[in-house]
């Protein structure tokens, strides 16, 4: 038991600083990248919007449950179905927070490979929907035509209009003057928050909502990694944890599991310690965060069975191909993944790691601390 607690402590210590940095940057991405910016770049049909959706979604710190309302909002705002699918894949599979903790627990090779593969997976899923879902363009066209900013009738004379411009009474009577109205926005424009307020809001979001969403599975993952490191021989799963067998096992394990990209990383590190190959672990890191029964059900409900099937097919195919490529590269370049897992990143001073761990611990328990204080006041 002492060995388990010791291993748990050092695993948490090693990951704490990078998790704090990742949460901080993830919060900034959440607040500094406005939804309007995403809408503008994802509303056009075509391959470019698929690529943009994959790249823009990759750094965002949203898990498979959090990305659903964000993606559906983009869809309602006019994003094409292929772009929405691409966003749905890349966003939960990776993020700045998960990249940092992947580097801390599995080394630079896995940290670099993970977001690249996630983007490829997202582009593949969006492309499959674009090619095989014939109703995509029609749905987008309907959304554009039925929006409050679209004119039902063609203008009497050619002119340049904005999406929020309408014909006034004078124009209908034959005059050529027109005035712009804000049908796309409320009467009173929302005052833009200053940059510092956005930064503070992003940090608050990262260390409250975002941390709350991942802390349970993060602790479970760290505990699992500590159990593996303490009690399971390193060669126990080598026989069945490598090659296509290991990848298929990780695929079956990952698809129904609900786990975020950041929280899945300690689990993946535990699998590596147990003897699962890096390629099989990549399969888990892709399939686990991007798929679960709730996500698949909502995608089917909102975008149809065909899109859901193409979404799942793309994730499975790219995960298996990527796993094979990762194992081949590890063998070709003689990369010692186990060395990256075992080594403590000594270039981070221990007092900073301890401070980071204490910060995460206190912030995670803030609700319980407030609840205890309120009970004392009542008594």
Protein backbone atom coordinates (compact mmCIF):
# COMPACT_ATOMS: atom_id res chain seq x y z
CA UNK A 1 0.00 0.00 0.00
CA UNK A 2 2.87 2.35 0.78
CA UNK A 3 4.33 1.69 -2.67
CA UNK A 4 0.96 2.44 -4.30
CA UNK A 5 0.57 5.75 -2.46
CA UNK A 6 4.15 6.68 -3.28
CA UNK A 7 3.65 5.94 -6.99
CA UNK A 8 0.31 7.79 -7.00
CA UNK A 9 1.91 10.84 -5.42
CA UNK A 10 4.81 11.03 -7.88
CA UNK A 11 2.55 10.45 -10.87
CA UNK A 12 0.27 13.27 -9.70
CA UNK A 13 3.27 15.48 -8.94
CA UNK A 14 4.75 14.88 -12.38
CA UNK A 15 1.48 15.76 -14.13
CA UNK A 16 0.35 18.68 -11.93
CA UNK A 17 2.44 21.53 -13.39
CA UNK A 18 1.64 20.62 -16.99
CA UNK A 19 -2.03 20.23 -16.15
CA UNK A 20 -2.11 23.73 -14.62
CA UNK A 21 -0.43 25.18 -17.72
CA UNK A 22 -2.78 23.27 -20.00
CA UNK A 23 -5.88 24.40 -18.09
CA UNK A 24 -4.70 28.02 -18.18
CA UNK A 25 -4.11 28.01 -21.95
CA UNK A 26 -7.29 26.03 -22.55
CA UNK A 27 -9.32 28.62 -20.66
CA UNK A 28 -7.81 31.39 -22.76
CA UNK A 29 -8.72 29.56 -25.96
CA UNK A 30 -12.29 29.15 -24.70
CA UNK A 31 -12.83 32.86 -24.04
CA UNK A 32 -10.61 34.52 -26.65
CA UNK A 33 -11.91 32.60 -29.68
CA UNK A 34 -15.47 33.95 -30.20
CA UNK A 35 -18.25 31.75 -31.52
CA UNK A 36 -18.86 34.28 -34.31
CA UNK A 37 -15.33 33.63 -35.57
CA UNK A 38 -16.01 29.90 -35.74
CA UNK A 39 -19.35 30.46 -37.47
CA UNK A 40 -17.78 32.65 -40.13
CA UNK A 41 -15.19 30.05 -41.07
CA UNK A 42 -17.38 26.95 -40.84
CA UNK A 43 -20.53 28.08 -42.62
CA UNK A 44 -19.29 27.49 -46.17
CA UNK A 45 -19.63 24.01 -47.68
CA UNK A 46 -16.49 22.40 -49.06
CA UNK A 47 -13.21 20.86 -47.99
CA UNK A 48 -11.75 24.10 -46.63
CA UNK A 49 -14.41 24.37 -43.93
CA UNK A 50 -13.70 20.76 -42.90
CA UNK A 51 -10.01 21.52 -42.46
CA UNK A 52 -10.73 24.76 -40.61
CA UNK A 53 -13.14 22.98 -38.28
CA UNK A 54 -10.53 20.33 -37.46
CA UNK A 55 -7.79 22.89 -36.78
CA UNK A 56 -9.99 25.32 -34.86
CA UNK A 57 -11.52 22.55 -32.75
CA UNK A 58 -8.25 20.83 -31.86
CA UNK A 59 -6.99 23.28 -29.19
CA UNK A 60 -10.38 23.83 -27.53
CA UNK A 61 -10.65 22.20 -24.09
CA UNK A 62 -14.06 20.55 -24.54
CA UNK A 63 -14.82 16.92 -23.75
CA UNK A 64 -17.23 14.69 -25.65
CA UNK A 65 -20.23 15.99 -23.68
CA UNK A 66 -19.22 19.65 -23.76
CA UNK A 67 -18.57 19.67 -27.49
CA UNK A 68 -22.10 18.53 -28.37
CA UNK A 69 -23.94 21.78 -27.49
CA UNK A 70 -21.10 23.83 -29.01
CA UNK A 71 -21.25 21.86 -32.25
CA UNK A 72 -25.04 21.96 -32.41
CA UNK A 73 -24.93 25.74 -31.91
CA UNK A 74 -22.52 26.00 -34.84
CA UNK A 75 -24.82 23.80 -36.91
CA UNK A 76 -27.85 25.95 -36.12
CA UNK A 77 -25.82 29.05 -36.99
CA UNK A 78 -25.20 27.67 -40.49
CA UNK A 79 -22.11 25.44 -40.23
CA UNK A 80 -22.15 22.69 -42.83
CA UNK A 81 -22.71 19.10 -41.72
CA UNK A 82 -19.18 17.97 -42.79
CA UNK A 83 -17.61 20.88 -40.88
CA UNK A 84 -19.74 20.16 -37.82
CA UNK A 85 -18.69 16.50 -37.94
CA UNK A 86 -15.03 17.49 -38.25
CA UNK A 87 -15.40 19.80 -35.24
CA UNK A 88 -17.12 17.01 -33.27
CA UNK A 89 -14.13 14.70 -33.82
CA UNK A 90 -11.11 16.97 -33.34
CA UNK A 91 -12.36 18.89 -30.30
CA UNK A 92 -12.79 16.02 -27.80
CA UNK A 93 -9.86 13.96 -29.12
CA UNK A 94 -7.27 16.57 -28.22
CA UNK A 95 -6.79 20.00 -26.64
CA UNK A 96 -4.00 22.16 -25.29
CA UNK A 97 -4.54 20.77 -21.80
CA UNK A 98 -4.36 17.14 -22.94
CA UNK A 99 -1.25 17.81 -25.05
CA UNK A 100 0.61 19.21 -22.05
CA UNK A 101 -0.31 16.32 -19.77
CA UNK A 102 0.51 13.83 -22.56
CA UNK A 103 3.98 15.32 -22.74
CA UNK A 104 4.33 15.09 -18.96
CA UNK A 105 3.23 11.46 -18.72
CA UNK A 106 4.19 9.88 -22.07
CA UNK A 107 6.88 12.03 -23.61
CA UNK A 108 7.24 14.31 -26.64
CA UNK A 109 6.62 11.68 -29.33
CA UNK A 110 3.13 10.83 -28.07
CA UNK A 111 2.40 14.49 -27.30
CA UNK A 112 3.14 15.54 -30.90
CA UNK A 113 1.51 12.50 -32.52
CA UNK A 114 -1.78 12.83 -30.66
CA UNK A 115 -3.05 16.19 -32.01
CA UNK A 116 -1.79 15.45 -35.53
CA UNK A 117 -3.70 12.17 -35.66
CA UNK A 118 -6.78 13.82 -34.14
CA UNK A 119 -6.82 16.45 -36.91
CA UNK A 120 -6.38 13.77 -39.60
CA UNK A 121 -9.22 11.78 -38.03
CA UNK A 122 -11.47 14.84 -38.01
CA UNK A 123 -10.74 15.73 -41.64
CA UNK A 124 -11.43 12.12 -42.64
CA UNK A 125 -14.77 12.08 -40.82
CA UNK A 126 -15.84 15.38 -42.37
CA UNK A 127 -14.77 14.24 -45.83
CA UNK A 128 -16.75 10.99 -45.53
CA UNK A 129 -19.85 12.95 -44.58
CA UNK A 130 -19.25 15.33 -47.49
CA UNK A 131 -18.94 12.48 -49.99
CA UNK A 132 -21.59 10.07 -48.74
CA UNK A 133 -24.24 12.18 -47.02
CA UNK A 134 -26.14 13.56 -50.02
CA UNK A 135 -28.47 15.76 -47.97
CA UNK A 136 -25.69 17.95 -46.54
CA UNK A 137 -25.80 20.75 -49.11
CA UNK A 138 -29.60 20.83 -49.10
CA UNK A 139 -29.73 21.17 -45.32
CA UNK A 140 -27.23 24.04 -45.34
CA UNK A 141 -29.12 25.77 -48.15
CA UNK A 142 -32.38 25.45 -46.23
CA UNK A 143 -30.79 26.95 -43.12
CA UNK A 144 -29.47 29.89 -45.10
CA UNK A 145 -32.73 30.50 -46.94
CA UNK A 146 -34.88 30.29 -43.83
CA UNK A 147 -32.76 32.52 -41.64
CA UNK A 148 -34.03 35.90 -40.52
CA UNK A 149 -31.33 37.57 -42.59
CA UNK A 150 -32.28 36.03 -45.91
CA UNK A 151 -34.70 37.75 -48.26
CA UNK A 152 -37.54 35.56 -49.49
CA UNK A 153 -37.83 37.53 -52.70
CA UNK A 154 -35.06 38.62 -55.00
CA UNK A 155 -34.21 42.36 -54.84
CA UNK A 156 -35.73 44.59 -57.46
CA UNK A 157 -32.33 45.89 -58.51
CA UNK A 158 -28.85 44.41 -58.17
CA UNK A 159 -27.13 45.71 -55.09
CA UNK A 160 -24.70 44.70 -52.42
CA UNK A 161 -26.32 43.77 -49.14
CA UNK A 162 -25.19 42.42 -45.86
CA UNK A 163 -26.84 39.46 -44.17
CA UNK A 164 -28.49 41.86 -41.79
CA UNK A 165 -29.84 44.37 -44.31
CA UNK A 166 -33.51 44.47 -45.25
CA UNK A 167 -35.66 46.38 -47.69
CA UNK A 168 -37.61 49.17 -46.08
CA UNK A 169 -41.01 50.48 -47.06
CA UNK A 170 -39.57 53.14 -49.36
CA UNK A 171 -37.73 50.56 -51.46
CA UNK A 172 -40.83 48.41 -51.87
CA UNK A 173 -42.67 51.49 -53.21
CA UNK A 174 -40.03 51.93 -55.93
CA UNK A 175 -37.46 54.14 -54.31
CA UNK A 176 -33.86 52.92 -54.27
CA UNK A 177 -32.84 53.98 -50.82
CA UNK A 178 -32.47 51.38 -48.16
CA UNK A 179 -31.48 51.30 -44.58
CA UNK A 180 -29.72 48.58 -42.65
CA UNK A 181 -31.35 46.95 -39.68
CA UNK A 182 -29.86 44.64 -37.10
CA UNK A 183 -32.07 41.59 -37.56
CA UNK A 184 -29.15 39.35 -36.67
CA UNK A 185 -28.49 41.04 -33.37
CA UNK A 186 -30.45 42.41 -30.49
CA UNK A 187 -31.37 46.08 -30.33
CA UNK A 188 -28.79 46.83 -27.69
CA UNK A 189 -25.34 45.63 -28.67
CA UNK A 190 -23.43 43.76 -26.03
CA UNK A 191 -20.51 45.80 -24.82
CA UNK A 192 -17.25 44.07 -25.65
CA UNK A 193 -15.39 42.93 -22.58
CA UNK A 194 -11.84 44.23 -22.20
CA UNK A 195 -9.00 41.79 -22.80
CA UNK A 196 -8.11 41.47 -19.12
CA UNK A 197 -11.71 40.61 -18.25
CA UNK A 198 -11.68 37.89 -20.90
CA UNK A 199 -8.41 36.48 -19.54
CA UNK A 200 -9.80 36.44 -16.00
CA UNK A 201 -12.99 34.81 -17.26
CA UNK A 202 -11.00 32.17 -19.12
CA UNK A 203 -8.87 31.34 -16.08
CA UNK A 204 -11.98 31.13 -13.92
CA UNK A 205 -13.64 28.80 -16.43
CA UNK A 206 -10.54 26.59 -16.62
CA UNK A 207 -10.18 26.12 -12.87
CA UNK A 208 -13.89 25.71 -12.17
CA UNK A 209 -16.06 24.19 -14.90
CA UNK A 210 -13.28 22.60 -16.95
CA UNK A 211 -11.45 21.14 -13.95
CA UNK A 212 -14.74 19.91 -12.45
CA UNK A 213 -15.50 18.04 -15.67
CA UNK A 214 -12.22 16.13 -15.72
CA UNK A 215 -11.11 15.77 -12.10
CA UNK A 216 -13.01 12.55 -11.34
CA UNK A 217 -11.64 10.61 -14.29
CA UNK A 218 -8.26 12.26 -13.82
CA UNK A 219 -8.00 10.82 -10.31
CA UNK A 220 -9.28 7.44 -11.51
CA UNK A 221 -6.68 7.45 -14.27
CA UNK A 222 -3.83 8.35 -11.91
CA UNK A 223 -4.95 5.65 -9.47
CA UNK A 224 -5.10 3.12 -12.29
CA UNK A 225 -1.62 4.05 -13.47
CA UNK A 226 -0.33 3.73 -9.89
CA UNK A 227 -1.97 0.30 -9.49
CA UNK A 228 -0.40 -0.89 -12.74
CA UNK A 229 3.02 0.45 -11.80
CA UNK A 230 2.82 -1.11 -8.33
CA UNK A 231 1.13 -4.48 -8.76
CA UNK A 232 1.18 -5.58 -12.43
CA UNK A 233 4.32 -7.06 -14.00
CA UNK A 234 5.48 -5.04 -16.97
CA UNK A 235 5.29 -8.02 -19.34
CA UNK A 236 1.82 -9.23 -18.32
CA UNK A 237 -0.12 -7.72 -21.24
CA UNK A 238 2.65 -7.80 -23.83
CA UNK A 239 1.33 -11.05 -25.31
CA UNK A 240 -2.14 -9.65 -26.05
CA UNK A 241 -1.49 -5.93 -25.89
CA UNK A 242 0.51 -5.51 -29.08
CA UNK A 243 -0.30 -5.64 -32.77
CA UNK A 244 -3.81 -5.71 -34.19
CA UNK A 245 -5.14 -7.69 -31.22
CA UNK A 246 -4.18 -4.96 -28.76
CA UNK A 247 -5.59 -2.25 -31.02
CA UNK A 248 -8.93 -4.01 -31.39
CA UNK A 249 -9.12 -4.53 -27.62
CA UNK A 250 -8.47 -0.82 -27.02
CA UNK A 251 -11.07 0.07 -29.64
CA UNK A 252 -13.70 -2.07 -27.93
CA UNK A 253 -12.75 -0.61 -24.54
CA UNK A 254 -12.62 3.00 -25.73
CA UNK A 255 -15.79 3.38 -27.83
CA UNK A 256 -18.42 2.99 -25.07
CA UNK A 257 -16.31 4.67 -22.35
CA UNK A 258 -17.04 8.23 -21.29
CA UNK A 259 -13.69 9.88 -20.64
CA UNK A 260 -12.23 13.27 -21.61
CA UNK A 261 -8.97 13.71 -23.54
CA UNK A 262 -7.08 14.98 -20.49
CA UNK A 263 -8.50 12.41 -18.07
CA UNK A 264 -7.79 9.57 -20.53
CA UNK A 265 -4.06 10.33 -20.49
CA UNK A 266 -3.24 8.79 -17.09
CA UNK A 267 -5.28 5.73 -18.11
CA UNK A 268 -3.24 5.50 -21.29
CA UNK A 269 -0.01 5.83 -19.32
CA UNK A 270 -1.20 2.95 -17.14
CA UNK A 271 -1.85 0.83 -20.23
CA UNK A 272 1.67 1.58 -21.47
CA UNK A 273 3.14 0.59 -18.11
CA UNK A 274 1.18 -2.67 -18.28
CA UNK A 275 2.75 -3.55 -21.62
CA UNK A 276 0.18 -2.30 -24.15
CA UNK A 277 1.91 -1.07 -27.30
CA UNK A 278 2.01 2.68 -28.08
CA UNK A 279 -0.10 2.09 -31.18
CA UNK A 280 -2.84 0.38 -29.19
CA UNK A 281 -2.74 3.22 -26.66
CA UNK A 282 -3.20 5.77 -29.47
CA UNK A 283 -6.30 3.85 -30.52
CA UNK A 284 -7.67 4.26 -26.99
CA UNK A 285 -6.74 7.97 -26.88
CA UNK A 286 -8.67 8.58 -30.11
CA UNK A 287 -11.71 6.35 -29.58
CA UNK A 288 -12.23 6.98 -25.86
CA UNK A 289 -12.73 10.78 -25.79
CA UNK A 290 -14.52 11.05 -29.15
CA UNK A 291 -17.09 8.30 -28.71
CA UNK A 292 -19.54 7.20 -26.07
CA UNK A 293 -23.12 6.06 -26.22
CA UNK A 294 -24.52 9.48 -25.32
CA UNK A 295 -22.49 11.28 -27.99
CA UNK A 296 -23.43 8.79 -30.70
CA UNK A 297 -27.09 8.98 -29.74
CA UNK A 298 -27.17 12.77 -29.93
CA UNK A 299 -25.35 12.82 -33.27
CA UNK A 300 -27.88 10.34 -34.66
CA UNK A 301 -30.76 12.43 -33.36
CA UNK A 302 -29.46 15.78 -34.59
CA UNK A 303 -27.73 14.87 -37.86
CA UNK A 304 -29.05 11.44 -38.83
CA UNK A 305 -28.04 7.80 -38.74
CA UNK A 306 -25.83 8.09 -41.80
CA UNK A 307 -23.73 10.87 -40.31
CA UNK A 308 -23.43 8.95 -37.04
CA UNK A 309 -22.28 5.84 -38.90
CA UNK A 310 -19.74 7.80 -40.96
CA UNK A 311 -18.53 9.59 -37.81
CA UNK A 312 -17.91 6.29 -36.00
CA UNK A 313 -16.43 4.59 -39.08
CA UNK A 314 -13.89 7.37 -39.62
CA UNK A 315 -12.76 7.28 -35.98
CA UNK A 316 -12.35 3.49 -36.03
CA UNK A 317 -10.47 3.35 -39.34
CA UNK A 318 -8.09 6.22 -38.59
CA UNK A 319 -7.50 4.95 -35.05
CA UNK A 320 -6.46 1.50 -36.29
CA UNK A 321 -4.30 2.86 -39.14
CA UNK A 322 -2.67 5.38 -36.79
CA UNK A 323 -1.97 2.68 -34.23
CA UNK A 324 -0.18 0.60 -36.85
CA UNK A 325 1.84 3.62 -38.03
CA UNK A 326 2.79 4.62 -34.47
CA UNK A 327 4.06 1.11 -33.66
CA UNK A 328 6.02 1.07 -36.94
CA UNK A 329 7.62 4.47 -36.22
CA UNK A 330 8.50 3.49 -32.65
CA UNK A 331 10.25 0.38 -33.97
CA UNK A 332 11.91 2.23 -36.87
CA UNK A 333 13.23 5.11 -34.76
CA UNK A 334 13.96 2.98 -31.66
CA UNK A 335 11.87 5.22 -29.43
CA UNK A 336 11.82 4.12 -25.80
CA UNK A 337 8.31 5.11 -24.71
CA UNK A 338 8.73 3.43 -21.33
CA UNK A 339 11.67 5.70 -20.56
CA UNK A 340 9.47 8.76 -21.06
CA UNK A 341 6.81 7.33 -18.74
CA UNK A 342 9.20 6.39 -15.97
CA UNK A 343 11.38 9.48 -15.89
CA UNK A 344 10.39 12.37 -13.67
CA UNK A 345 10.78 15.63 -15.58
CA UNK A 346 13.44 17.06 -13.30
CA UNK A 347 13.77 20.32 -15.19
CA UNK A 348 10.62 21.50 -13.39
CA UNK A 349 11.61 22.49 -9.83
CA UNK A 350 9.93 20.31 -7.24
CA UNK A 351 8.52 23.25 -5.28
CA UNK A 352 6.65 24.39 -8.42
CA UNK A 353 5.25 20.89 -8.89
CA UNK A 354 4.16 20.76 -5.24
CA UNK A 355 2.53 24.20 -5.50
CA UNK A 356 0.71 23.13 -8.68
CA UNK A 357 -0.53 19.93 -7.04
CA UNK A 358 -1.75 21.81 -3.97
CA UNK A 359 -3.48 24.40 -6.18
CA UNK A 360 -5.34 21.70 -8.10
CA UNK A 361 -6.22 19.89 -4.87
CA UNK A 362 -7.64 22.99 -3.15
CA UNK A 363 -9.54 24.20 -6.21
CA UNK A 364 -11.02 20.74 -6.77
CA UNK A 365 -12.30 20.68 -3.18
CA UNK A 366 -13.60 24.27 -3.17
CA UNK A 367 -17.27 23.19 -3.32
CA UNK A 368 -16.85 20.89 -0.33
CA UNK A 369 -14.97 23.62 1.56
CA UNK A 370 -17.76 26.15 0.88
CA UNK A 371 -20.39 23.60 1.88
CA UNK A 372 -18.62 22.94 5.19
CA UNK A 373 -18.31 26.67 5.89
CA UNK A 374 -22.01 27.21 5.19
CA UNK A 375 -22.96 24.42 7.57
CA UNK A 376 -20.85 25.99 10.30
CA UNK A 377 -22.53 29.36 9.76
CA UNK A 378 -25.99 27.76 9.95
CA UNK A 379 -25.09 25.94 13.16
